[in-house]
Amino acid sequence: QDGRPVQGSERLIAGSGGSDAAINAAYEVARRAIFKAGRSGLALPPE
């Protein structure tokens, strides 16, 4: 509710356009972006 992503809740739903290794690498970069952006809360309306 404070806008922070919950550690351990992230999951890869789908990936396309490359090998499993490339998809996993892209997922890791995406996951880090979400948690870095949400460190002090994501810009989402509380209401």
ModelCIF file with pLDDT and N, C-alpha, C, O atoms, coordinates in Angstrom:
data_MODEL
#
_entry.id   MODEL 
#
_entity.id                         1 
_entity.type                       polymer 
_entity.pdbx_number_of_molecules   1 
#
_entity_poly.entity_id                      1 
_entity_poly.type                           'polypeptide(L)' 
_entity_poly.nstd_linkage                   no 
_entity_poly.nstd_monomer                   no 
_entity_poly.pdbx_seq_one_letter_code       QDGRPVQGSERLIAGSGGSDAAINAAYEVARRAIFKAGRSGLALPPE 
_entity_poly.pdbx_seq_one_letter_code_can   QDGRPVQGSERLIAGSGGSDAAINAAYEVARRAIFKAGRSGLALPPE 
_entity_poly.pdbx_strand_id                 A 
#
loop_
_entity_poly_seq.entity_id 
_entity_poly_seq.num 
_entity_poly_seq.mon_id 
_entity_poly_seq.hetero 
1 1  GLN n 
1 2  ASP n 
1 3  GLY n 
1 4  ARG n 
1 5  PRO n 
1 6  VAL n 
1 7  GLN n 
1 8  GLY n 
1 9  SER n 
1 10 GLU n 
1 11 ARG n 
1 12 LEU n 
1 13 ILE n 
1 14 ALA n 
1 15 GLY n 
1 16 SER n 
1 17 GLY n 
1 18 GLY n 
1 19 SER n 
1 20 ASP n 
1 21 ALA n 
1 22 ALA n 
1 23 ILE n 
1 24 ASN n 
1 25 ALA n 
1 26 ALA n 
1 27 TYR n 
1 28 GLU n 
1 29 VAL n 
1 30 ALA n 
1 31 ARG n 
1 32 ARG n 
1 33 ALA n 
1 34 ILE n 
1 35 PHE n 
1 36 LYS n 
1 37 ALA n 
1 38 GLY n 
1 39 ARG n 
1 40 SER n 
1 41 GLY n 
1 42 LEU n 
1 43 ALA n 
1 44 LEU n 
1 45 PRO n 
1 46 PRO n 
1 47 GLU n 
#
_struct_asym.id          A 
_struct_asym.entity_id   1 
#
loop_
_ma_qa_metric.id 
_ma_qa_metric.mode 
_ma_qa_metric.name 
_ma_qa_metric.software_group_id 
_ma_qa_metric.type 
1 global pLDDT . pLDDT 
2 local  pLDDT . pLDDT 
#
_ma_qa_metric_global.metric_id      1 
_ma_qa_metric_global.metric_value   95.36 
_ma_qa_metric_global.model_id       1 
_ma_qa_metric_global.ordinal_id     1 
#
loop_
_ma_qa_metric_local.label_asym_id 
_ma_qa_metric_local.label_comp_id 
_ma_qa_metric_local.label_seq_id 
_ma_qa_metric_local.metric_id 
_ma_qa_metric_local.metric_value 
_ma_qa_metric_local.model_id 
_ma_qa_metric_local.ordinal_id 
A GLN 1  2 95.00 1 1  
A ASP 2  2 95.00 1 2  
A GLY 3  2 95.00 1 3  
A ARG 4  2 97.00 1 4  
A PRO 5  2 97.00 1 5  
A VAL 6  2 97.00 1 6  
A GLN 7  2 96.00 1 7  
A GLY 8  2 97.00 1 8  
A SER 9  2 97.00 1 9  
A GLU 10 2 97.00 1 10 
A ARG 11 2 97.00 1 11 
A LEU 12 2 97.00 1 12 
A ILE 13 2 96.00 1 13 
A ALA 14 2 96.00 1 14 
A GLY 15 2 96.00 1 15 
A SER 16 2 95.00 1 16 
A GLY 17 2 94.00 1 17 
A GLY 18 2 94.00 1 18 
A SER 19 2 95.00 1 19 
A ASP 20 2 96.00 1 20 
A ALA 21 2 95.00 1 21 
A ALA 22 2 95.00 1 22 
A ILE 23 2 96.00 1 23 
A ASN 24 2 96.00 1 24 
A ALA 25 2 94.00 1 25 
A ALA 26 2 94.00 1 26 
A TYR 27 2 96.00 1 27 
A GLU 28 2 95.00 1 28 
A VAL 29 2 94.00 1 29 
A ALA 30 2 95.00 1 30 
A ARG 31 2 96.00 1 31 
A ARG 32 2 96.00 1 32 
A ALA 33 2 96.00 1 33 
A ILE 34 2 96.00 1 34 
A PHE 35 2 97.00 1 35 
A LYS 36 2 97.00 1 36 
A ALA 37 2 96.00 1 37 
A GLY 38 2 96.00 1 38 
A ARG 39 2 96.00 1 39 
A SER 40 2 92.00 1 40 
A GLY 41 2 95.00 1 41 
A LEU 42 2 94.00 1 42 
A ALA 43 2 92.00 1 43 
A LEU 44 2 94.00 1 44 
A PRO 45 2 94.00 1 45 
A PRO 46 2 93.00 1 46 
A GLU 47 2 93.00 1 47 
#
loop_
_atom_site.group_PDB 
_atom_site.id 
_atom_site.type_symbol 
_atom_site.label_atom_id 
_atom_site.label_alt_id 
_atom_site.label_comp_id 
_atom_site.label_asym_id 
_atom_site.label_entity_id 
_atom_site.label_seq_id 
_atom_site.pdbx_PDB_ins_code 
_atom_site.Cartn_x 
_atom_site.Cartn_y 
_atom_site.Cartn_z 
_atom_site.occupancy 
_atom_site.B_iso_or_equiv 
_atom_site.pdbx_formal_charge 
_atom_site.auth_seq_id 
_atom_site.auth_comp_id 
_atom_site.auth_asym_id 
_atom_site.auth_atom_id 
_atom_site.pdbx_PDB_model_num 
ATOM 1   N N  . GLN A 1 1  ? 0.811  -1.210  0.000   1.00 95.00 ? 1  GLN A N  1 
ATOM 2   C CA . GLN A 1 1  ? 0.000  0.000   0.000   1.00 95.00 ? 1  GLN A CA 1 
ATOM 3   C C  . GLN A 1 1  ? 0.853  1.273   0.000   1.00 95.00 ? 1  GLN A C  1 
ATOM 4   O O  . GLN A 1 1  ? 0.386  2.322   -0.443  1.00 95.00 ? 1  GLN A O  1 
ATOM 5   N N  . ASP A 1 2  ? 2.103  1.194   0.493   1.00 95.00 ? 2  ASP A N  1 
ATOM 6   C CA . ASP A 1 2  ? 2.990  2.366   0.488   1.00 95.00 ? 2  ASP A CA 1 
ATOM 7   C C  . ASP A 1 2  ? 3.664  2.573   -0.867  1.00 95.00 ? 2  ASP A C  1 
ATOM 8   O O  . ASP A 1 2  ? 4.497  3.466   -1.014  1.00 95.00 ? 2  ASP A O  1 
ATOM 9   N N  . GLY A 1 3  ? 3.303  1.743   -1.870  1.00 95.00 ? 3  GLY A N  1 
ATOM 10  C CA . GLY A 1 3  ? 3.853  1.899   -3.211  1.00 95.00 ? 3  GLY A CA 1 
ATOM 11  C C  . GLY A 1 3  ? 5.152  1.158   -3.431  1.00 95.00 ? 3  GLY A C  1 
ATOM 12  O O  . GLY A 1 3  ? 5.740  1.259   -4.508  1.00 95.00 ? 3  GLY A O  1 
ATOM 13  N N  . ARG A 1 4  ? 5.611  0.423   -2.449  1.00 97.00 ? 4  ARG A N  1 
ATOM 14  C CA . ARG A 1 4  ? 6.864  -0.323  -2.599  1.00 97.00 ? 4  ARG A CA 1 
ATOM 15  C C  . ARG A 1 4  ? 6.589  -1.740  -3.089  1.00 97.00 ? 4  ARG A C  1 
ATOM 16  O O  . ARG A 1 4  ? 5.713  -2.419  -2.554  1.00 97.00 ? 4  ARG A O  1 
ATOM 17  N N  . PRO A 1 5  ? 7.326  -2.190  -4.098  1.00 97.00 ? 5  PRO A N  1 
ATOM 18  C CA . PRO A 1 5  ? 7.181  -3.567  -4.571  1.00 97.00 ? 5  PRO A CA 1 
ATOM 19  C C  . PRO A 1 5  ? 7.557  -4.541  -3.459  1.00 97.00 ? 5  PRO A C  1 
ATOM 20  O O  . PRO A 1 5  ? 8.497  -4.290  -2.705  1.00 97.00 ? 5  PRO A O  1 
ATOM 21  N N  . VAL A 1 6  ? 6.835  -5.638  -3.353  1.00 97.00 ? 6  VAL A N  1 
ATOM 22  C CA . VAL A 1 6  ? 7.062  -6.640  -2.321  1.00 97.00 ? 6  VAL A CA 1 
ATOM 23  C C  . VAL A 1 6  ? 8.158  -7.599  -2.777  1.00 97.00 ? 6  VAL A C  1 
ATOM 24  O O  . VAL A 1 6  ? 7.998  -8.309  -3.770  1.00 97.00 ? 6  VAL A O  1 
ATOM 25  N N  . GLN A 1 7  ? 9.283  -7.615  -2.039  1.00 96.00 ? 7  GLN A N  1 
ATOM 26  C CA . GLN A 1 7  ? 10.405 -8.499  -2.370  1.00 96.00 ? 7  GLN A CA 1 
ATOM 27  C C  . GLN A 1 7  ? 9.924  -9.939  -2.432  1.00 96.00 ? 7  GLN A C  1 
ATOM 28  O O  . GLN A 1 7  ? 9.210  -10.389 -1.536  1.00 96.00 ? 7  GLN A O  1 
ATOM 29  N N  . GLY A 1 8  ? 10.300 -10.662 -3.464  1.00 97.00 ? 8  GLY A N  1 
ATOM 30  C CA . GLY A 1 8  ? 9.944  -12.052 -3.610  1.00 97.00 ? 8  GLY A CA 1 
ATOM 31  C C  . GLY A 1 8  ? 8.622  -12.288 -4.330  1.00 97.00 ? 8  GLY A C  1 
ATOM 32  O O  . GLY A 1 8  ? 8.284  -13.427 -4.653  1.00 97.00 ? 8  GLY A O  1 
ATOM 33  N N  . SER A 1 9  ? 7.871  -11.213 -4.582  1.00 97.00 ? 9  SER A N  1 
ATOM 34  C CA . SER A 1 9  ? 6.585  -11.385 -5.271  1.00 97.00 ? 9  SER A CA 1 
ATOM 35  C C  . SER A 1 9  ? 6.737  -11.307 -6.782  1.00 97.00 ? 9  SER A C  1 
ATOM 36  O O  . SER A 1 9  ? 5.831  -11.686 -7.524  1.00 97.00 ? 9  SER A O  1 
ATOM 37  N N  . GLU A 1 10 ? 7.892  -10.813 -7.238  1.00 97.00 ? 10 GLU A N  1 
ATOM 38  C CA . GLU A 1 10 ? 8.089  -10.626 -8.678  1.00 97.00 ? 10 GLU A CA 1 
ATOM 39  C C  . GLU A 1 10 ? 8.203  -11.967 -9.376  1.00 97.00 ? 10 GLU A C  1 
ATOM 40  O O  . GLU A 1 10 ? 8.769  -12.921 -8.842  1.00 97.00 ? 10 GLU A O  1 
ATOM 41  N N  . ARG A 1 11 ? 7.653  -12.022 -10.583 1.00 97.00 ? 11 ARG A N  1 
ATOM 42  C CA . ARG A 1 11 ? 7.732  -13.254 -11.358 1.00 97.00 ? 11 ARG A CA 1 
ATOM 43  C C  . ARG A 1 11 ? 7.657  -12.946 -12.843 1.00 97.00 ? 11 ARG A C  1 
ATOM 44  O O  . ARG A 1 11 ? 7.028  -11.977 -13.265 1.00 97.00 ? 11 ARG A O  1 
ATOM 45  N N  . LEU A 1 12 ? 8.308  -13.785 -13.618 1.00 97.00 ? 12 LEU A N  1 
ATOM 46  C CA . LEU A 1 12 ? 8.299  -13.670 -15.075 1.00 97.00 ? 12 LEU A CA 1 
ATOM 47  C C  . LEU A 1 12 ? 7.024  -14.334 -15.577 1.00 97.00 ? 12 LEU A C  1 
ATOM 48  O O  . LEU A 1 12 ? 6.824  -15.530 -15.368 1.00 97.00 ? 12 LEU A O  1 
ATOM 49  N N  . ILE A 1 13 ? 6.164  -13.568 -16.235 1.00 96.00 ? 13 ILE A N  1 
ATOM 50  C CA . ILE A 1 13 ? 4.905  -14.090 -16.762 1.00 96.00 ? 13 ILE A CA 1 
ATOM 51  C C  . ILE A 1 13 ? 5.107  -14.629 -18.182 1.00 96.00 ? 13 ILE A C  1 
ATOM 52  O O  . ILE A 1 13 ? 4.578  -15.683 -18.534 1.00 96.00 ? 13 ILE A O  1 
ATOM 53  N N  . ALA A 1 14 ? 5.869  -13.903 -18.981 1.00 96.00 ? 14 ALA A N  1 
ATOM 54  C CA . ALA A 1 14 ? 6.106  -14.305 -20.371 1.00 96.00 ? 14 ALA A CA 1 
ATOM 55  C C  . ALA A 1 14 ? 7.392  -13.665 -20.859 1.00 96.00 ? 14 ALA A C  1 
ATOM 56  O O  . ALA A 1 14 ? 7.812  -12.617 -20.369 1.00 96.00 ? 14 ALA A O  1 
ATOM 57  N N  . GLY A 1 15 ? 8.006  -14.315 -21.831 1.00 96.00 ? 15 GLY A N  1 
ATOM 58  C CA . GLY A 1 15 ? 9.189  -13.768 -22.468 1.00 96.00 ? 15 GLY A CA 1 
ATOM 59  C C  . GLY A 1 15 ? 9.232  -14.239 -23.907 1.00 96.00 ? 15 GLY A C  1 
ATOM 60  O O  . GLY A 1 15 ? 8.854  -15.373 -24.202 1.00 96.00 ? 15 GLY A O  1 
ATOM 61  N N  . SER A 1 16 ? 9.691  -13.377 -24.810 1.00 95.00 ? 16 SER A N  1 
ATOM 62  C CA . SER A 1 16 ? 9.772  -13.765 -26.214 1.00 95.00 ? 16 SER A CA 1 
ATOM 63  C C  . SER A 1 16 ? 10.896 -12.990 -26.896 1.00 95.00 ? 16 SER A C  1 
ATOM 64  O O  . SER A 1 16 ? 11.350 -11.957 -26.404 1.00 95.00 ? 16 SER A O  1 
ATOM 65  N N  . GLY A 1 17 ? 11.329 -13.511 -28.036 1.00 94.00 ? 17 GLY A N  1 
ATOM 66  C CA . GLY A 1 17 ? 12.308 -12.809 -28.853 1.00 94.00 ? 17 GLY A CA 1 
ATOM 67  C C  . GLY A 1 17 ? 13.740 -13.261 -28.689 1.00 94.00 ? 17 GLY A C  1 
ATOM 68  O O  . GLY A 1 17 ? 14.641 -12.686 -29.299 1.00 94.00 ? 17 GLY A O  1 
ATOM 69  N N  . GLY A 1 18 ? 13.972 -14.288 -27.871 1.00 94.00 ? 18 GLY A N  1 
ATOM 70  C CA . GLY A 1 18 ? 15.348 -14.728 -27.691 1.00 94.00 ? 18 GLY A CA 1 
ATOM 71  C C  . GLY A 1 18 ? 15.418 -16.037 -26.935 1.00 94.00 ? 18 GLY A C  1 
ATOM 72  O O  . GLY A 1 18 ? 14.398 -16.654 -26.628 1.00 94.00 ? 18 GLY A O  1 
ATOM 73  N N  . SER A 1 19 ? 16.646 -16.452 -26.637 1.00 95.00 ? 19 SER A N  1 
ATOM 74  C CA . SER A 1 19 ? 16.885 -17.700 -25.906 1.00 95.00 ? 19 SER A CA 1 
ATOM 75  C C  . SER A 1 19 ? 16.441 -17.536 -24.456 1.00 95.00 ? 19 SER A C  1 
ATOM 76  O O  . SER A 1 19 ? 16.160 -16.428 -24.000 1.00 95.00 ? 19 SER A O  1 
ATOM 77  N N  . ASP A 1 20 ? 16.381 -18.656 -23.741 1.00 96.00 ? 20 ASP A N  1 
ATOM 78  C CA . ASP A 1 20 ? 16.046 -18.599 -22.314 1.00 96.00 ? 20 ASP A CA 1 
ATOM 79  C C  . ASP A 1 20 ? 17.036 -17.716 -21.562 1.00 96.00 ? 20 ASP A C  1 
ATOM 80  O O  . ASP A 1 20 ? 16.646 -16.964 -20.669 1.00 96.00 ? 20 ASP A O  1 
ATOM 81  N N  . ALA A 1 21 ? 18.317 -17.805 -21.923 1.00 95.00 ? 21 ALA A N  1 
ATOM 82  C CA . ALA A 1 21 ? 19.332 -16.997 -21.242 1.00 95.00 ? 21 ALA A CA 1 
ATOM 83  C C  . ALA A 1 21 ? 19.091 -15.505 -21.476 1.00 95.00 ? 21 ALA A C  1 
ATOM 84  O O  . ALA A 1 21 ? 19.219 -14.704 -20.550 1.00 95.00 ? 21 ALA A O  1 
ATOM 85  N N  . ALA A 1 22 ? 18.742 -15.130 -22.709 1.00 95.00 ? 22 ALA A N  1 
ATOM 86  C CA . ALA A 1 22 ? 18.474 -13.722 -23.020 1.00 95.00 ? 22 ALA A CA 1 
ATOM 87  C C  . ALA A 1 22 ? 17.215 -13.235 -22.304 1.00 95.00 ? 22 ALA A C  1 
ATOM 88  O O  . ALA A 1 22 ? 17.169 -12.113 -21.798 1.00 95.00 ? 22 ALA A O  1 
ATOM 89  N N  . ILE A 1 23 ? 16.197 -14.091 -22.269 1.00 96.00 ? 23 ILE A N  1 
ATOM 90  C CA . ILE A 1 23 ? 14.953 -13.732 -21.564 1.00 96.00 ? 23 ILE A CA 1 
ATOM 91  C C  . ILE A 1 23 ? 15.231 -13.561 -20.078 1.00 96.00 ? 23 ILE A C  1 
ATOM 92  O O  . ILE A 1 23 ? 14.744 -12.614 -19.460 1.00 96.00 ? 23 ILE A O  1 
ATOM 93  N N  . ASN A 1 24 ? 16.016 -14.473 -19.495 1.00 96.00 ? 24 ASN A N  1 
ATOM 94  C CA . ASN A 1 24 ? 16.349 -14.353 -18.077 1.00 96.00 ? 24 ASN A CA 1 
ATOM 95  C C  . ASN A 1 24 ? 17.154 -13.090 -17.790 1.00 96.00 ? 24 ASN A C  1 
ATOM 96  O O  . ASN A 1 24 ? 16.936 -12.434 -16.771 1.00 96.00 ? 24 ASN A O  1 
ATOM 97  N N  . ALA A 1 25 ? 18.083 -12.746 -18.683 1.00 94.00 ? 25 ALA A N  1 
ATOM 98  C CA . ALA A 1 25 ? 18.870 -11.525 -18.500 1.00 94.00 ? 25 ALA A CA 1 
ATOM 99  C C  . ALA A 1 25 ? 17.963 -10.298 -18.557 1.00 94.00 ? 25 ALA A C  1 
ATOM 100 O O  . ALA A 1 25 ? 18.097 -9.388  -17.739 1.00 94.00 ? 25 ALA A O  1 
ATOM 101 N N  . ALA A 1 26 ? 17.045 -10.271 -19.516 1.00 94.00 ? 26 ALA A N  1 
ATOM 102 C CA . ALA A 1 26 ? 16.114 -9.139  -19.641 1.00 94.00 ? 26 ALA A CA 1 
ATOM 103 C C  . ALA A 1 26 ? 15.201 -9.059  -18.424 1.00 94.00 ? 26 ALA A C  1 
ATOM 104 O O  . ALA A 1 26 ? 14.892 -7.967  -17.948 1.00 94.00 ? 26 ALA A O  1 
ATOM 105 N N  . TYR A 1 27 ? 14.767 -10.214 -17.920 1.00 96.00 ? 27 TYR A N  1 
ATOM 106 C CA . TYR A 1 27 ? 13.926 -10.252 -16.723 1.00 96.00 ? 27 TYR A CA 1 
ATOM 107 C C  . TYR A 1 27 ? 14.665 -9.672  -15.524 1.00 96.00 ? 27 TYR A C  1 
ATOM 108 O O  . TYR A 1 27 ? 14.090 -8.897  -14.759 1.00 96.00 ? 27 TYR A O  1 
ATOM 109 N N  . GLU A 1 28 ? 15.931 -10.039 -15.352 1.00 95.00 ? 28 GLU A N  1 
ATOM 110 C CA . GLU A 1 28 ? 16.704 -9.529  -14.209 1.00 95.00 ? 28 GLU A CA 1 
ATOM 111 C C  . GLU A 1 28 ? 16.845 -8.010  -14.262 1.00 95.00 ? 28 GLU A C  1 
ATOM 112 O O  . GLU A 1 28 ? 16.721 -7.338  -13.238 1.00 95.00 ? 28 GLU A O  1 
ATOM 113 N N  . VAL A 1 29 ? 17.101 -7.469  -15.447 1.00 94.00 ? 29 VAL A N  1 
ATOM 114 C CA . VAL A 1 29 ? 17.232 -6.020  -15.605 1.00 94.00 ? 29 VAL A CA 1 
ATOM 115 C C  . VAL A 1 29 ? 15.880 -5.341  -15.324 1.00 94.00 ? 29 VAL A C  1 
ATOM 116 O O  . VAL A 1 29 ? 15.832 -4.295  -14.675 1.00 94.00 ? 29 VAL A O  1 
ATOM 117 N N  . ALA A 1 30 ? 14.796 -5.936  -15.811 1.00 95.00 ? 30 ALA A N  1 
ATOM 118 C CA . ALA A 1 30 ? 13.457 -5.388  -15.571 1.00 95.00 ? 30 ALA A CA 1 
ATOM 119 C C  . ALA A 1 30 ? 13.108 -5.437  -14.086 1.00 95.00 ? 30 ALA A C  1 
ATOM 120 O O  . ALA A 1 30 ? 12.582 -4.471  -13.533 1.00 95.00 ? 30 ALA A O  1 
ATOM 121 N N  . ARG A 1 31 ? 13.398 -6.549  -13.457 1.00 96.00 ? 31 ARG A N  1 
ATOM 122 C CA . ARG A 1 31 ? 13.124 -6.722  -12.024 1.00 96.00 ? 31 ARG A CA 1 
ATOM 123 C C  . ARG A 1 31 ? 13.877 -5.675  -11.205 1.00 96.00 ? 31 ARG A C  1 
ATOM 124 O O  . ARG A 1 31 ? 13.307 -5.060  -10.304 1.00 96.00 ? 31 ARG A O  1 
ATOM 125 N N  . ARG A 1 32 ? 15.149 -5.476  -11.517 1.00 96.00 ? 32 ARG A N  1 
ATOM 126 C CA . ARG A 1 32 ? 15.940 -4.464  -10.800 1.00 96.00 ? 32 ARG A CA 1 
ATOM 127 C C  . ARG A 1 32 ? 15.344 -3.074  -11.000 1.00 96.00 ? 32 ARG A C  1 
ATOM 128 O O  . ARG A 1 32 ? 15.302 -2.275  -10.064 1.00 96.00 ? 32 ARG A O  1 
ATOM 129 N N  . ALA A 1 33 ? 14.882 -2.781  -12.216 1.00 96.00 ? 33 ALA A N  1 
ATOM 130 C CA . ALA A 1 33 ? 14.295 -1.458  -12.487 1.00 96.00 ? 33 ALA A CA 1 
ATOM 131 C C  . ALA A 1 33 ? 13.068 -1.222  -11.613 1.00 96.00 ? 33 ALA A C  1 
ATOM 132 O O  . ALA A 1 33 ? 12.893 -0.131  -11.069 1.00 96.00 ? 33 ALA A O  1 
ATOM 133 N N  . ILE A 1 34 ? 12.227 -2.227  -11.478 1.00 96.00 ? 34 ILE A N  1 
ATOM 134 C CA . ILE A 1 34 ? 11.015 -2.090  -10.658 1.00 96.00 ? 34 ILE A CA 1 
ATOM 135 C C  . ILE A 1 34 ? 11.383 -1.804  -9.206  1.00 96.00 ? 34 ILE A C  1 
ATOM 136 O O  . ILE A 1 34 ? 10.816 -0.904  -8.585  1.00 96.00 ? 34 ILE A O  1 
ATOM 137 N N  . PHE A 1 35 ? 12.326 -2.565  -8.666  1.00 97.00 ? 35 PHE A N  1 
ATOM 138 C CA . PHE A 1 35 ? 12.672 -2.400  -7.250  1.00 97.00 ? 35 PHE A CA 1 
ATOM 139 C C  . PHE A 1 35 ? 13.454 -1.117  -6.995  1.00 97.00 ? 35 PHE A C  1 
ATOM 140 O O  . PHE A 1 35 ? 13.275 -0.489  -5.952  1.00 97.00 ? 35 PHE A O  1 
ATOM 141 N N  . LYS A 1 36 ? 14.321 -0.714  -7.929  1.00 97.00 ? 36 LYS A N  1 
ATOM 142 C CA . LYS A 1 36 ? 15.024 0.563   -7.760  1.00 97.00 ? 36 LYS A CA 1 
ATOM 143 C C  . LYS A 1 36 ? 14.037 1.722   -7.825  1.00 97.00 ? 36 LYS A C  1 
ATOM 144 O O  . LYS A 1 36 ? 14.108 2.649   -7.018  1.00 97.00 ? 36 LYS A O  1 
ATOM 145 N N  . ALA A 1 37 ? 13.119 1.668   -8.784  1.00 96.00 ? 37 ALA A N  1 
ATOM 146 C CA . ALA A 1 37 ? 12.126 2.744   -8.920  1.00 96.00 ? 37 ALA A CA 1 
ATOM 147 C C  . ALA A 1 37 ? 11.215 2.802   -7.702  1.00 96.00 ? 37 ALA A C  1 
ATOM 148 O O  . ALA A 1 37 ? 10.781 3.879   -7.295  1.00 96.00 ? 37 ALA A O  1 
ATOM 149 N N  . GLY A 1 38 ? 10.928 1.639   -7.122  1.00 96.00 ? 38 GLY A N  1 
ATOM 150 C CA . GLY A 1 38 ? 9.994  1.586   -6.005  1.00 96.00 ? 38 GLY A CA 1 
ATOM 151 C C  . GLY A 1 38 ? 10.622 1.685   -4.636  1.00 96.00 ? 38 GLY A C  1 
ATOM 152 O O  . GLY A 1 38 ? 9.939  1.504   -3.629  1.00 96.00 ? 38 GLY A O  1 
ATOM 153 N N  . ARG A 1 39 ? 11.915 1.970   -4.578  1.00 96.00 ? 39 ARG A N  1 
ATOM 154 C CA . ARG A 1 39 ? 12.621 2.026   -3.298  1.00 96.00 ? 39 ARG A CA 1 
ATOM 155 C C  . ARG A 1 39 ? 11.929 2.969   -2.311  1.00 96.00 ? 39 ARG A C  1 
ATOM 156 O O  . ARG A 1 39 ? 11.812 2.655   -1.126  1.00 96.00 ? 39 ARG A O  1 
ATOM 157 N N  . SER A 1 40 ? 11.473 4.125   -2.800  1.00 92.00 ? 40 SER A N  1 
ATOM 158 C CA . SER A 1 40 ? 10.764 5.059   -1.912  1.00 92.00 ? 40 SER A CA 1 
ATOM 159 C C  . SER A 1 40 ? 9.286  5.138   -2.286  1.00 92.00 ? 40 SER A C  1 
ATOM 160 O O  . SER A 1 40 ? 8.602  6.097   -1.929  1.00 92.00 ? 40 SER A O  1 
ATOM 161 N N  . GLY A 1 41 ? 8.799  4.136   -3.000  1.00 95.00 ? 41 GLY A N  1 
ATOM 162 C CA . GLY A 1 41 ? 7.385  4.086   -3.379  1.00 95.00 ? 41 GLY A CA 1 
ATOM 163 C C  . GLY A 1 41 ? 7.187  4.468   -4.826  1.00 95.00 ? 41 GLY A C  1 
ATOM 164 O O  . GLY A 1 41 ? 7.730  5.469   -5.293  1.00 95.00 ? 41 GLY A O  1 
ATOM 165 N N  . LEU A 1 42 ? 6.410  3.675   -5.537  1.00 94.00 ? 42 LEU A N  1 
ATOM 166 C CA . LEU A 1 42 ? 6.103  3.966   -6.938  1.00 94.00 ? 42 LEU A CA 1 
ATOM 167 C C  . LEU A 1 42 ? 5.090  5.100   -7.017  1.00 94.00 ? 42 LEU A C  1 
ATOM 168 O O  . LEU A 1 42 ? 4.283  5.296   -6.109  1.00 94.00 ? 42 LEU A O  1 
ATOM 169 N N  . ALA A 1 43 ? 5.146  5.832   -8.103  1.00 92.00 ? 43 ALA A N  1 
ATOM 170 C CA . ALA A 1 43 ? 4.267  6.998   -8.308  1.00 92.00 ? 43 ALA A CA 1 
ATOM 171 C C  . ALA A 1 43 ? 2.877  6.526   -8.723  1.00 92.00 ? 43 ALA A C  1 
ATOM 172 O O  . ALA A 1 43 ? 2.488  6.639   -9.885  1.00 92.00 ? 43 ALA A O  1 
ATOM 173 N N  . LEU A 1 44 ? 2.143  6.000   -7.758  1.00 94.00 ? 44 LEU A N  1 
ATOM 174 C CA . LEU A 1 44 ? 0.803  5.492   -8.015  1.00 94.00 ? 44 LEU A CA 1 
ATOM 175 C C  . LEU A 1 44 ? -0.148 6.095   -6.980  1.00 94.00 ? 44 LEU A C  1 
ATOM 176 O O  . LEU A 1 44 ? 0.219  6.234   -5.813  1.00 94.00 ? 44 LEU A O  1 
ATOM 177 N N  . PRO A 1 45 ? -1.369 6.456   -7.395  1.00 94.00 ? 45 PRO A N  1 
ATOM 178 C CA . PRO A 1 45 ? -2.293 7.141   -6.482  1.00 94.00 ? 45 PRO A CA 1 
ATOM 179 C C  . PRO A 1 45 ? -2.825 6.210   -5.383  1.00 94.00 ? 45 PRO A C  1 
ATOM 180 O O  . PRO A 1 45 ? -3.443 5.190   -5.691  1.00 94.00 ? 45 PRO A O  1 
ATOM 181 N N  . PRO A 1 46 ? -2.592 6.548   -4.104  1.00 93.00 ? 46 PRO A N  1 
ATOM 182 C CA . PRO A 1 46 ? -3.005 5.683   -2.993  1.00 93.00 ? 46 PRO A CA 1 
ATOM 183 C C  . PRO A 1 46 ? -4.489 5.336   -3.002  1.00 93.00 ? 46 PRO A C  1 
ATOM 184 O O  . PRO A 1 46 ? -4.871 4.236   -2.603  1.00 93.00 ? 46 PRO A O  1 
ATOM 185 N N  . GLU A 1 47 ? -5.321 6.261   -3.452  1.00 93.00 ? 47 GLU A N  1 
ATOM 186 C CA . GLU A 1 47 ? -6.767 6.021   -3.432  1.00 93.00 ? 47 GLU A CA 1 
ATOM 187 C C  . GLU A 1 47 ? -7.198 4.971   -4.462  1.00 93.00 ? 47 GLU A C  1 
ATOM 188 O O  . GLU A 1 47 ? -8.384 4.659   -4.567  1.00 93.00 ? 47 GLU A O  1 
#
